[in-house]
Protein backbone atom coordinates (compact mmCIF):
# COMPACT_ATOMS: atom_id res chain seq x y z
CA MET A 1 0.02 0.03 -0.03
CA SER A 2 1.50 3.44 -1.16
CA THR A 3 1.41 6.87 0.85
CA GLU A 4 0.32 9.62 -1.17
CA GLN A 5 1.95 13.32 0.03
CA HIS A 6 -0.64 15.61 0.94
CA PRO A 7 -1.66 18.44 -1.71
CA PRO A 8 -0.58 22.20 -0.93
CA HIS A 9 -4.02 22.77 0.27
CA ALA A 10 -4.21 19.61 2.96
CA MET A 11 -6.10 19.95 6.12
CA GLN A 12 -3.92 21.31 9.37
CA GLY A 13 -4.32 19.30 12.44
CA PRO A 14 -4.63 21.49 16.11
CA GLN A 15 -2.72 23.79 16.73
CA GLY A 16 -0.98 24.11 13.27
CA SER A 17 -0.04 20.88 13.66
CA PRO A 18 1.82 18.77 10.23
CA PRO A 19 -0.51 18.05 7.85
CA PRO A 20 -1.38 14.01 8.39
CA GLU A 21 -0.07 11.18 6.57
CA MET A 22 -2.17 10.24 3.49
CA LEU A 23 -3.39 7.07 2.45
CA PHE A 24 -5.06 6.73 -0.77
CA GLY A 25 -5.71 10.40 -0.71
CA HIS A 26 -7.48 10.00 2.58
CA PRO A 27 -5.51 10.70 6.17
CA LYS A 28 -4.81 7.72 7.60
CA GLY A 29 -6.72 8.11 10.48
CA LEU A 30 -9.65 7.77 8.35
CA PHE A 31 -8.63 3.68 8.70
CA VAL A 32 -7.49 3.70 12.27
CA CYS A 33 -11.19 4.50 12.82
CA PHE A 34 -12.06 2.22 9.61
CA PHE A 35 -10.90 -0.78 11.24
CA THR A 36 -11.99 -0.11 15.00
CA GLU A 37 -15.43 0.36 13.84
CA MET A 38 -14.88 -2.94 11.72
CA TRP A 39 -13.98 -4.76 14.64
CA GLU A 40 -16.74 -3.02 16.72
CA ARG A 41 -19.32 -3.57 14.22
CA PHE A 42 -18.02 -7.45 14.06
CA SER A 43 -19.18 -7.51 17.66
CA PHE A 44 -22.31 -5.74 17.77
CA TYR A 45 -23.98 -7.65 14.56
CA GLY A 46 -22.81 -10.87 15.60
CA MET A 47 -24.32 -10.58 18.47
CA LYS A 48 -27.02 -9.09 17.23
CA ALA A 49 -27.73 -11.76 14.53
CA LEU A 50 -28.41 -14.60 17.17
CA LEU A 51 -30.07 -12.18 19.97
CA PHE A 52 -33.79 -12.72 18.97
CA LEU A 53 -32.87 -16.03 17.74
CA TYR A 54 -31.17 -17.05 20.87
CA LEU A 55 -34.25 -15.71 23.42
CA ILE A 56 -36.97 -17.77 21.09
CA LYS A 57 -34.95 -20.60 20.60
CA TYR A 58 -32.94 -21.46 23.49
CA HIS A 59 -35.02 -19.64 26.49
CA LEU A 60 -38.10 -20.12 24.56
CA PHE A 61 -39.49 -16.38 25.33
CA THR A 62 -42.69 -15.86 23.16
CA ASP A 63 -42.36 -13.53 19.51
CA GLU A 64 -43.40 -10.38 21.90
CA PHE A 65 -41.25 -10.79 24.16
CA GLY A 66 -38.26 -10.95 21.96
CA TYR A 67 -39.24 -8.31 19.73
CA ASN A 68 -39.90 -5.91 23.29
CA VAL A 69 -36.18 -7.16 23.65
CA ILE A 70 -34.37 -6.32 20.77
CA GLY A 71 -35.91 -2.92 20.65
CA ALA A 72 -35.76 -1.94 24.01
CA TYR A 73 -31.68 -2.97 24.25
CA GLY A 74 -31.37 -1.61 20.50
CA ALA A 75 -33.44 1.77 21.54
CA LEU A 76 -31.25 2.10 24.65
CA VAL A 77 -28.17 1.19 22.63
CA TYR A 78 -28.56 4.10 20.36
CA ALA A 79 -30.00 6.50 23.09
CA MET A 80 -26.82 6.46 25.37
CA PRO A 81 -24.28 8.23 22.99
CA VAL A 82 -26.34 11.33 23.60
CA VAL A 83 -24.85 11.49 27.44
CA GLY A 84 -21.14 9.64 25.59
CA GLY A 85 -20.82 12.55 22.81
CA LEU A 86 -21.64 15.47 26.02
CA LEU A 87 -18.66 14.24 28.26
CA ALA A 88 -16.41 13.66 25.46
CA ASP A 89 -17.52 16.78 24.34
CA ARG A 90 -16.79 18.71 27.28
CA TYR A 91 -14.49 16.77 29.22
CA ILE A 92 -12.32 13.61 28.04
CA GLY A 93 -12.17 14.00 24.58
CA MET A 94 -13.11 11.62 22.15
CA ARG A 95 -10.03 9.30 22.19
CA LYS A 96 -10.85 8.47 25.92
CA ALA A 97 -14.01 7.73 25.84
CA VAL A 98 -13.75 5.54 22.64
CA ILE A 99 -11.12 3.41 24.62
CA PHE A 100 -13.40 3.65 27.88
CA GLY A 101 -16.69 2.86 25.44
CA GLY A 102 -14.11 -0.37 24.51
CA ILE A 103 -13.45 -2.06 27.41
CA LEU A 104 -17.39 -2.09 28.70
CA LEU A 105 -18.03 -3.54 24.86
CA VAL A 106 -15.12 -6.24 25.67
CA LEU A 107 -16.80 -7.14 28.74
CA GLY A 108 -20.54 -7.07 27.72
CA HIS A 109 -19.68 -8.93 24.24
CA LEU A 110 -17.67 -12.08 26.66
CA GLY A 111 -20.36 -12.51 29.27
CA MET A 112 -22.84 -13.00 26.63
CA ALA A 113 -20.66 -16.60 26.10
CA PHE A 114 -22.67 -17.44 29.55
CA GLU A 115 -25.75 -19.37 28.48
CA GLY A 116 -26.70 -21.07 31.52
CA HIS A 117 -29.05 -23.72 31.07
CA GLN A 118 -31.18 -24.54 27.99
CA ALA A 119 -35.38 -23.43 29.17
CA VAL A 120 -37.49 -26.68 29.30
CA ILE A 121 -41.27 -26.87 29.68
CA VAL A 122 -42.52 -28.62 32.45
CA ALA A 123 -46.12 -29.52 32.99
CA GLY A 124 -47.10 -26.78 30.78
CA GLU A 125 -44.67 -24.40 32.08
CA VAL A 126 -41.36 -22.80 30.96
CA GLN A 127 -38.50 -23.06 33.38
CA ARG A 128 -35.52 -21.01 32.43
CA ASP A 129 -32.46 -20.56 34.11
CA GLU A 130 -33.01 -16.94 35.98
CA GLN A 131 -28.88 -16.58 37.02
CA ALA A 132 -27.77 -16.88 33.38
CA LEU A 133 -30.68 -14.15 32.26
CA GLN A 134 -29.29 -11.52 35.14
CA VAL A 135 -25.82 -12.35 33.62
CA PHE A 136 -27.72 -11.63 30.07
CA TYR A 137 -29.29 -8.19 30.76
CA LEU A 138 -25.87 -7.17 32.50
CA SER A 139 -24.27 -7.64 29.36
CA LEU A 140 -26.26 -6.00 27.50
CA ALA A 141 -26.10 -2.67 29.96
CA LEU A 142 -22.35 -3.23 29.58
CA ILE A 143 -23.03 -2.88 25.57
CA ILE A 144 -25.18 0.02 25.38
CA VAL A 145 -23.16 2.25 27.85
CA GLY A 146 -20.02 0.75 26.33
CA VAL A 147 -21.50 2.04 22.61
CA GLY A 148 -23.01 4.67 24.29
CA PHE A 149 -19.62 6.10 24.70
CA LEU A 150 -17.61 4.87 21.69
CA LYS A 151 -20.41 4.98 18.47
CA PRO A 152 -21.00 8.74 18.69
CA ASN A 153 -17.45 10.09 18.87
CA ILE A 154 -15.74 7.29 16.55
CA SER A 155 -17.85 8.71 13.88
CA THR A 156 -17.14 12.67 14.89
CA ILE A 157 -13.20 12.03 14.51
CA VAL A 158 -13.94 11.15 10.89
CA GLY A 159 -15.34 14.38 10.73
CA GLN A 160 -12.61 16.32 12.15
CA LEU A 161 -10.48 14.96 9.74
CA TYR A 162 -11.33 16.77 6.93
CA PRO A 163 -12.15 20.39 6.41
CA GLU A 164 -15.93 21.28 6.41
CA SER A 165 -15.70 22.34 2.40
CA SER A 166 -13.61 19.21 1.33
CA PRO A 167 -15.28 17.40 -1.58
CA LYS A 168 -13.54 14.06 -0.25
CA ARG A 169 -15.95 14.32 3.06
CA ASP A 170 -18.86 12.55 2.12
CA SER A 171 -16.68 9.52 0.08
CA GLY A 172 -14.51 9.62 3.26
CA PHE A 173 -17.55 8.86 5.48
CA THR A 174 -18.61 5.96 2.44
CA ILE A 175 -15.47 4.10 3.21
CA PHE A 176 -15.76 4.49 6.88
CA TYR A 177 -19.44 3.13 6.39
CA ALA A 178 -17.68 0.35 4.17
CA GLY A 179 -15.52 -0.72 7.33
CA ILE A 180 -18.85 -0.50 9.62
CA ASN A 181 -20.57 -2.99 6.95
CA LEU A 182 -17.12 -5.31 6.29
CA GLY A 183 -17.59 -5.99 9.96
CA ALA A 184 -21.25 -6.57 10.01
CA THR A 185 -20.42 -8.95 6.70
CA LEU A 186 -18.40 -11.18 8.30
CA ALA A 187 -20.06 -11.30 11.97
CA PRO A 188 -23.14 -13.07 10.68
CA LEU A 189 -21.47 -15.81 8.45
CA ILE A 190 -18.90 -16.47 11.55
CA CYS A 191 -20.61 -15.50 15.06
CA ALA A 192 -24.48 -16.80 13.93
CA TYR A 193 -23.07 -20.26 12.24
CA LEU A 194 -20.85 -21.03 15.30
CA GLY A 195 -24.07 -20.13 17.63
CA GLU A 196 -26.27 -22.09 15.85
CA THR A 197 -24.29 -24.84 15.28
CA TYR A 198 -22.02 -25.67 18.19
CA GLY A 199 -23.81 -23.70 20.76
CA TRP A 200 -24.66 -19.74 21.28
CA LYS A 201 -21.78 -19.32 23.67
CA TYR A 202 -19.09 -19.89 20.56
CA GLY A 203 -20.79 -17.31 18.67
CA PHE A 204 -21.10 -14.66 21.09
CA GLY A 205 -17.56 -15.28 22.82
CA LEU A 206 -16.17 -14.71 19.00
CA ALA A 207 -18.37 -11.14 18.94
CA GLY A 208 -16.17 -10.38 22.23
CA LEU A 209 -12.96 -11.30 20.96
CA GLY A 210 -13.92 -9.08 17.93
CA MET A 211 -14.17 -5.95 19.78
CA LEU A 212 -11.14 -6.73 21.97
CA ALA A 213 -9.17 -6.49 18.39
CA GLY A 214 -10.88 -3.05 17.47
CA LEU A 215 -10.15 -1.66 20.95
CA LEU A 216 -6.52 -2.81 20.44
CA VAL A 217 -6.51 -1.10 16.51
CA PHE A 218 -7.59 2.44 18.28
CA ILE A 219 -4.86 2.26 21.07
CA ARG A 220 -2.08 1.26 18.63
CA GLY A 221 -3.20 3.98 16.03
CA LYS A 222 -3.32 6.88 18.42
CA LYS A 223 -0.82 9.01 16.39
CA HIS A 224 -2.53 9.10 13.49
CA LEU A 225 -5.62 10.99 14.87
CA GLN A 226 -3.68 14.15 14.85
CA GLY A 227 -4.51 14.80 18.44
CA PHE A 228 -8.11 16.22 16.97
CA ALA A 229 -9.07 13.81 19.98
CA GLU A 230 -8.09 14.51 22.84
CA PRO A 231 -9.72 16.87 25.96
CA ARG A 232 -10.30 20.38 24.89
CA ASP A 233 -9.05 21.66 28.35
CA PRO A 234 -6.67 18.35 30.28
CA ALA A 235 -6.18 20.65 33.17
CA ARG A 236 -9.54 20.97 33.55
CA ILE A 237 -10.69 16.70 33.86
CA LEU A 238 -7.63 16.57 36.60
CA LYS A 239 -9.68 18.91 38.83
CA LYS A 240 -10.61 16.73 42.09
CA THR A 241 -13.63 16.31 44.36
CA ALA A 242 -14.12 14.95 47.40
CA GLY A 243 -10.47 13.56 46.04
CA ILE A 244 -11.47 11.65 43.01
CA THR A 245 -10.60 14.10 39.63
CA ILE A 246 -13.70 15.03 37.39
CA GLU A 247 -12.03 12.10 34.60
CA GLN A 248 -12.61 9.49 37.73
CA TRP A 249 -15.85 10.52 38.62
CA ILE A 250 -17.43 10.09 34.91
CA TYR A 251 -16.14 6.76 34.98
CA LEU A 252 -17.57 5.91 38.00
CA SER A 253 -20.60 7.38 36.73
CA ALA A 254 -20.51 5.50 34.14
CA ILE A 255 -20.48 1.98 36.03
CA GLY A 256 -22.99 3.05 38.29
CA SER A 257 -24.98 3.76 34.96
CA VAL A 258 -24.47 0.33 33.66
CA ILE A 259 -26.71 -1.33 37.16
CA ILE A 260 -29.58 1.52 36.59
CA VAL A 261 -29.63 0.17 32.59
CA TRP A 262 -29.45 -3.28 33.72
CA GLY A 263 -32.46 -3.00 35.61
CA LEU A 264 -34.25 -0.69 33.14
CA ILE A 265 -33.59 -3.40 30.32
CA GLN A 266 -35.60 -5.65 32.14
CA THR A 267 -38.74 -3.48 32.02
CA HIS A 268 -39.11 -3.61 27.77
CA SER A 269 -42.52 -5.64 28.34
CA LEU A 270 -44.10 -3.88 31.46
CA VAL A 271 -46.14 -0.63 30.91
CA LEU A 272 -45.98 2.20 32.95
CA SER A 273 -48.41 4.91 33.30
CA ILE A 274 -47.68 8.24 34.62
CA SER A 275 -50.21 10.49 33.84
CA SER A 276 -53.90 10.17 32.47
CA LEU A 277 -53.56 12.43 29.57
CA LEU A 278 -50.66 10.35 28.65
CA PRO A 279 -50.48 7.04 26.75
CA ALA A 280 -49.05 4.38 29.20
CA VAL A 281 -45.31 3.20 27.68
CA SER A 282 -42.77 0.83 29.38
CA PRO A 283 -40.09 2.63 31.07
CA VAL A 284 -37.33 2.64 28.04
CA ILE A 285 -39.82 5.12 26.45
CA TRP A 286 -40.63 7.31 29.38
CA PHE A 287 -36.33 7.37 29.78
CA LEU A 288 -36.14 7.89 25.72
CA HIS A 289 -38.77 10.68 26.39
CA SER A 290 -37.21 12.36 29.25
CA VAL A 291 -33.64 12.43 27.29
CA SER A 292 -35.23 13.78 24.29
CA LEU A 293 -37.08 16.53 26.47
CA VAL A 294 -33.44 17.32 28.01
CA LEU A 295 -31.88 17.38 24.67
CA ALA A 296 -34.62 19.38 22.81
CA LEU A 297 -34.57 22.05 25.44
CA GLY A 298 -30.59 22.04 25.11
CA ILE A 299 -30.37 22.21 21.27
CA GLY A 300 -33.06 24.94 21.68
CA TRP A 301 -31.20 27.34 24.14
CA PHE A 302 -28.23 26.81 22.23
CA MET A 303 -29.90 27.54 19.33
CA VAL A 304 -31.20 30.96 20.43
CA LYS A 305 -28.51 32.09 22.21
CA HIS A 306 -25.64 30.94 20.78
CA CYS A 307 -26.06 30.42 16.88
CA ASN A 308 -26.31 33.25 14.00
CA PRO A 309 -29.35 33.40 11.72
CA ILE A 310 -27.06 31.08 9.13
CA GLU A 311 -25.69 28.56 12.06
CA ARG A 312 -29.56 28.35 13.41
CA GLN A 313 -31.14 27.34 10.00
CA GLN A 314 -28.57 24.76 9.43
CA MET A 315 -28.84 22.82 12.84
CA SER A 316 -32.97 23.14 11.88
CA ALA A 317 -31.83 21.36 8.48
CA LEU A 318 -29.72 18.93 10.78
CA LEU A 319 -33.44 17.71 12.89
CA LEU A 320 -35.13 17.47 9.76
CA PHE A 321 -32.39 14.99 8.77
CA ILE A 322 -32.65 13.12 11.95
CA VAL A 323 -36.39 12.58 11.76
CA ALA A 324 -35.46 11.29 7.99
CA GLY A 325 -33.13 8.75 9.54
CA LEU A 326 -35.76 7.93 12.36
CA ILE A 327 -38.05 6.61 9.41
CA PHE A 328 -35.58 4.99 7.76
CA PHE A 329 -34.20 2.95 10.34
CA GLY A 330 -37.66 2.34 11.79
CA LEU A 331 -37.98 0.46 8.14
CA TYR A 332 -34.41 -0.94 8.02
CA GLU A 333 -34.11 -2.06 11.81
CA GLN A 334 -37.42 -5.28 10.55
CA THR A 335 -34.00 -6.82 9.10
CA TYR A 336 -33.00 -8.15 13.08
CA GLY A 337 -36.81 -9.06 13.99
CA SER A 338 -39.50 -9.87 11.37
CA TRP A 339 -36.90 -10.55 8.46
CA VAL A 340 -35.07 -13.24 10.80
CA ALA A 341 -38.51 -14.57 11.99
CA PHE A 342 -40.20 -14.64 8.08
CA SER A 343 -36.18 -16.20 6.65
CA ASP A 344 -36.56 -18.79 9.56
CA ARG A 345 -39.70 -19.87 9.68
CA VAL A 346 -41.28 -19.56 5.81
CA MET A 347 -38.14 -19.28 3.64
CA ASP A 348 -36.58 -21.97 1.76
CA ARG A 349 -33.06 -20.96 2.70
CA ASN A 350 -31.18 -23.48 0.31
CA MET A 351 -28.58 -21.18 -2.19
CA LEU A 352 -25.41 -21.69 -4.15
CA GLY A 353 -26.18 -25.27 -2.90
CA LEU A 354 -26.06 -24.43 1.21
CA GLU A 355 -28.70 -23.88 3.19
CA TRP A 356 -27.96 -20.70 5.30
CA SER A 357 -29.66 -19.99 8.71
CA ALA A 358 -31.64 -17.29 9.41
CA GLY A 359 -29.16 -15.18 11.33
CA GLN A 360 -25.90 -15.66 9.04
CA LEU A 361 -28.39 -14.25 6.28
CA THR A 362 -28.78 -11.04 8.02
CA PHE A 363 -24.77 -10.57 6.47
CA LEU A 364 -26.37 -9.45 3.01
CA GLY A 365 -27.22 -6.13 4.28
CA ALA A 366 -23.66 -5.41 4.95
CA PHE A 367 -22.61 -7.48 2.00
CA PHE A 368 -24.08 -5.20 -0.48
CA VAL A 369 -23.14 -1.95 1.32
CA ILE A 370 -19.81 -3.15 0.64
CA SER A 371 -20.41 -4.03 -2.69
CA LEU A 372 -21.85 -1.11 -3.61
CA SER A 373 -20.01 1.30 -1.67
CA PRO A 374 -17.15 1.75 -4.03
CA ILE A 375 -19.54 3.01 -6.69
CA PHE A 376 -21.02 5.30 -4.51
CA ALA A 377 -17.73 6.83 -3.05
CA TRP A 378 -16.94 6.98 -6.73
CA LEU A 379 -20.52 8.48 -8.16
CA TRP A 380 -20.76 11.48 -5.53
CA PRO A 381 -17.87 13.30 -6.96
CA ALA A 382 -18.02 12.63 -10.39
CA LEU A 383 -21.63 13.34 -10.22
CA ALA A 384 -20.27 16.75 -8.42
CA ARG A 385 -18.01 17.47 -11.24
CA LYS A 386 -20.07 17.41 -13.68
CA ASN A 387 -22.89 19.57 -11.40
CA CYS A 388 -25.58 17.00 -11.51
CA ASP A 389 -24.71 15.59 -7.87
CA PRO A 390 -27.91 15.26 -6.19
CA SER A 391 -28.30 17.44 -2.83
CA LYS A 392 -28.04 15.50 0.60
CA PRO A 393 -31.97 15.91 1.19
CA VAL A 394 -32.97 14.64 -2.45
CA LYS A 395 -30.18 11.56 -1.09
CA THR A 396 -32.31 11.26 1.86
CA ALA A 397 -35.82 11.36 0.55
CA LEU A 398 -34.28 8.68 -2.23
CA GLY A 399 -33.04 6.63 0.79
CA ILE A 400 -36.37 6.24 2.02
CA LEU A 401 -38.10 5.91 -1.11
CA PHE A 402 -35.91 2.51 -1.57
CA ALA A 403 -36.56 0.77 2.03
CA GLY A 404 -40.52 1.26 1.51
CA LEU A 405 -39.53 -0.61 -2.01
CA SER A 406 -37.55 -3.49 -0.62
CA PHE A 407 -40.87 -4.76 1.25
CA MET A 408 -42.53 -4.49 -2.16
CA VAL A 409 -40.17 -7.45 -3.03
CA LEU A 410 -40.52 -9.50 0.10
CA VAL A 411 -44.30 -9.32 -0.36
CA LEU A 412 -44.05 -10.49 -4.04
CA GLY A 413 -42.11 -13.64 -2.69
CA ILE A 414 -45.09 -14.80 -0.73
CA GLN A 415 -47.24 -14.19 -3.40
CA MET A 416 -45.21 -16.20 -5.57
CA PRO A 417 -44.34 -19.60 -3.50
CA LEU A 418 -42.19 -22.17 -4.26
CA SER A 419 -43.64 -25.82 -4.94
CA ASN A 420 -43.20 -26.42 -1.16
CA GLY A 421 -45.01 -23.70 -0.43
CA LEU A 422 -42.03 -21.76 1.33
CA VAL A 423 -40.54 -18.18 -0.32
CA SER A 424 -37.24 -18.46 -2.42
CA ILE A 425 -34.13 -17.07 -0.71
CA TRP A 426 -33.77 -15.36 -3.69
CA PHE A 427 -36.37 -12.46 -2.63
CA LEU A 428 -34.75 -12.09 0.95
CA VAL A 429 -31.30 -11.25 -1.46
CA ALA A 430 -33.50 -8.57 -3.99
CA ALA A 431 -34.98 -7.22 -0.77
CA TYR A 432 -31.64 -6.40 1.23
CA PHE A 433 -30.25 -5.38 -2.02
CA VAL A 434 -32.96 -2.56 -2.72
CA LEU A 435 -32.96 -1.47 1.37
CA GLU A 436 -29.13 -0.96 0.47
CA ILE A 437 -28.92 1.31 -2.12
CA GLY A 438 -31.18 2.98 0.50
CA GLU A 439 -28.77 3.35 2.96
CA LEU A 440 -26.04 4.12 1.19
CA LEU A 441 -28.38 6.99 -0.14
CA LEU A 442 -29.18 7.84 3.54
CA SER A 443 -27.26 7.11 6.22
CA PRO A 444 -23.41 8.12 5.27
CA ILE A 445 -25.31 11.40 3.93
CA GLY A 446 -27.07 11.83 7.26
CA LEU A 447 -23.41 11.34 9.27
CA SER A 448 -21.72 13.58 6.88
CA ALA A 449 -24.42 16.12 7.19
CA VAL A 450 -24.22 16.18 11.61
CA THR A 451 -20.49 16.99 11.39
CA GLN A 452 -21.06 19.49 8.47
CA LEU A 453 -24.29 21.41 10.12
CA SER A 454 -23.56 20.94 13.35
CA VAL A 455 -21.43 23.96 15.22
CA LYS A 456 -18.33 22.94 16.28
CA ARG A 457 -18.97 23.23 19.99
CA VAL A 458 -21.82 20.91 20.10
CA VAL A 459 -20.42 18.38 17.25
CA SER A 460 -20.71 15.17 19.29
CA LEU A 461 -23.73 16.07 21.07
CA MET A 462 -25.79 16.19 17.68
CA MET A 463 -23.82 12.93 16.18
CA GLY A 464 -25.51 11.97 19.61
CA ALA A 465 -29.20 13.32 18.73
CA TRP A 466 -28.52 11.41 15.21
CA PHE A 467 -28.14 8.56 17.32
CA LEU A 468 -31.22 9.21 19.45
CA GLY A 469 -33.13 9.50 16.76
CA THR A 470 -32.00 5.50 15.59
CA SER A 471 -33.13 5.06 19.41
CA TYR A 472 -36.50 5.55 18.61
CA SER A 473 -36.29 3.87 15.11
CA GLU A 474 -35.78 1.04 17.24
CA ILE A 475 -38.83 1.31 18.81
CA LEU A 476 -40.66 1.97 16.08
CA ALA A 477 -39.75 -1.53 14.27
CA ALA A 478 -40.59 -3.17 17.86
CA GLU A 479 -43.82 -2.05 17.47
CA LEU A 480 -44.03 -2.65 13.43
CA ASN A 481 -42.48 -6.19 14.30
CA LYS A 482 -45.37 -7.08 16.68
CA LEU A 483 -47.99 -6.66 13.76
CA ALA A 484 -46.30 -9.98 13.17
CA ALA A 485 -46.21 -11.93 16.43
CA ILE A 486 -46.69 -15.55 15.93
CA ASP A 487 -47.17 -18.08 18.93
CA THR A 488 -44.36 -20.44 18.43
CA GLN A 489 -42.79 -23.87 20.20
CA GLY A 490 -39.39 -22.72 20.30
CA GLY A 491 -39.45 -20.86 17.22
CA VAL A 492 -41.29 -23.79 15.75
CA ILE A 493 -44.85 -22.62 13.31
CA SER A 494 -47.63 -25.26 12.67
CA ASP A 495 -49.19 -22.85 10.43
CA VAL A 496 -47.24 -21.55 7.06
CA PRO A 497 -49.59 -19.91 4.98
CA SER A 498 -51.08 -18.12 7.94
CA ALA A 499 -48.05 -16.71 9.09
CA MET A 500 -47.01 -15.93 5.31
CA ALA A 501 -50.47 -13.76 5.48
CA LEU A 502 -49.29 -12.68 8.34
CA TYR A 503 -46.43 -11.27 7.37
CA GLU A 504 -47.43 -10.15 4.01
CA GLN A 505 -49.88 -7.38 5.97
CA LEU A 506 -46.84 -6.19 7.59
CA PHE A 507 -44.85 -5.90 4.86
CA ILE A 508 -47.40 -4.26 2.87
CA PHE A 509 -47.94 -1.42 5.68
CA SER A 510 -44.24 -1.10 6.07
CA ALA A 511 -44.02 -0.35 2.34
CA GLN A 512 -46.93 2.12 2.92
CA ILE A 513 -44.91 3.67 5.48
CA GLY A 514 -41.90 4.45 3.37
CA VAL A 515 -43.22 5.02 -0.08
CA VAL A 516 -45.62 8.30 1.89
CA MET A 517 -42.21 9.51 3.84
CA ALA A 518 -40.75 9.98 1.18
CA LEU A 519 -42.85 11.96 -1.09
CA VAL A 520 -43.00 14.39 2.17
CA PHE A 521 -39.29 14.42 1.62
CA PHE A 522 -38.72 15.29 -1.70
CA ALA A 523 -41.27 17.87 -1.18
CA LEU A 524 -39.59 19.48 2.00
CA ALA A 525 -35.95 19.05 -0.36
CA PRO A 526 -36.10 22.60 -1.35
CA LEU A 527 -36.39 24.22 1.18
CA MET A 528 -33.63 21.83 3.53
CA LYS A 529 -31.25 22.61 0.88
CA LYS A 530 -31.50 26.14 0.99
CA MET A 531 -31.27 25.73 5.28
CA MET A 532 -28.46 24.44 4.63
CA HIS A 533 -26.76 27.10 3.20
CA GLU A 534 -23.68 24.75 2.08
CA ASN A 535 -21.55 27.76 0.42
CA THR A 536 -21.18 29.76 3.28
CA ALA A 537 -18.34 29.02 5.95
CA THR A 538 -19.64 28.36 9.60
CA ASN A 539 -18.62 27.68 12.80
């Protein structure tokens, strides 16, 4: 691999430090983040590919219970970046936040390898290993808090490596996104195979080793981050209160929050009514509402008090991008719920001479992102040179549209079953292909918009807001999944045609959501483009 020299107009590190070393026209720090995130996503998606099936087949929970768990877990795992982004912004810096989050993630993923005894049915009652379930919930809590520290900050570091006006920013984020999906491609193939073939603990355990590899890559690549990820005021975090530094208080509080999340994640199926004027929802959703209210008030206050008119409009445009991300991922996250159940129960999973498990097939999404990313990384600069690059709002609307259309592919598969009465696996392949076109249109562009449109002093916080929107999408996906919840015996169904009809109704409804919301964002695109002020220097 050859290292290219910087052009004269290259970006500078903090305080006039020398330009960073370049690799293939991008700063080397991008590839440190690429490999760190690749291994982190390997661990995350390796576990996620197994999660629903593990709950249904090993612990014999119902579909609805399983959807509630993955919804609550997903909601919390994407809500925590709000806090992690704020603490990195104000105190410990992005590098320390990523390392601390990585340590928690290693512990959490390795804890998932403790599976305990398989549930059994005795006299019509399911008997489960409650001790193992407590370890399971604690492991989820460690992962949730760990992601909160790592996820917003690793993405923000990528944005810091590029000048705001750099034409390579979008392609850099697309390359970074390919790293995410390289890990997400390998993980289901290996972890799901080990988990479903040899034992769940082997799949979960390998995911933990993947996270450890990612942590080591990041620590060793510190010099290539060019100082962008260090604390803003190093002396501040060394000040002591009650004999403990601020930095140490942050880590201790984070460990305490693991205990709180440990309890909170177990309330996923409870319903709590606070007021007769408000709907009764789970404590997890009340927690999300509370975080959202505080965040909305904080962002609103900041926009009024500290932003000029242009910055205010840019921040408002960013909030619309966050809403678009919520809608898109509300559809997308069904791939780990109803799509997994659908492919496990009513699909002929033979392809290329092999029989694939439902967990393994979740690799298709990331596989298509890897396959298509080079095309999109080339496409945007090529279109820009010809002055016909679609605006970010138009790309976002297209992304939502493709998400909706992917569900129609599955509907077509249900309406054209094989001779054995099952759906052909190739319809799932095609659905993922369509869905991932949508993801590449929307998600890396959304991440890029966060770093472009945010005022610099709150960029990590706004990255957290992006992920908070994603956390609501997990709740939306869980509620949509439950529209096709089926009573099973350890994941085995007795009436395939009825199950297919139920999935068909869900997929048609999901497609309608995607198409209608895409039309809304097409209509908003001109206004959003104007609010972005892309040709105006900001911050």
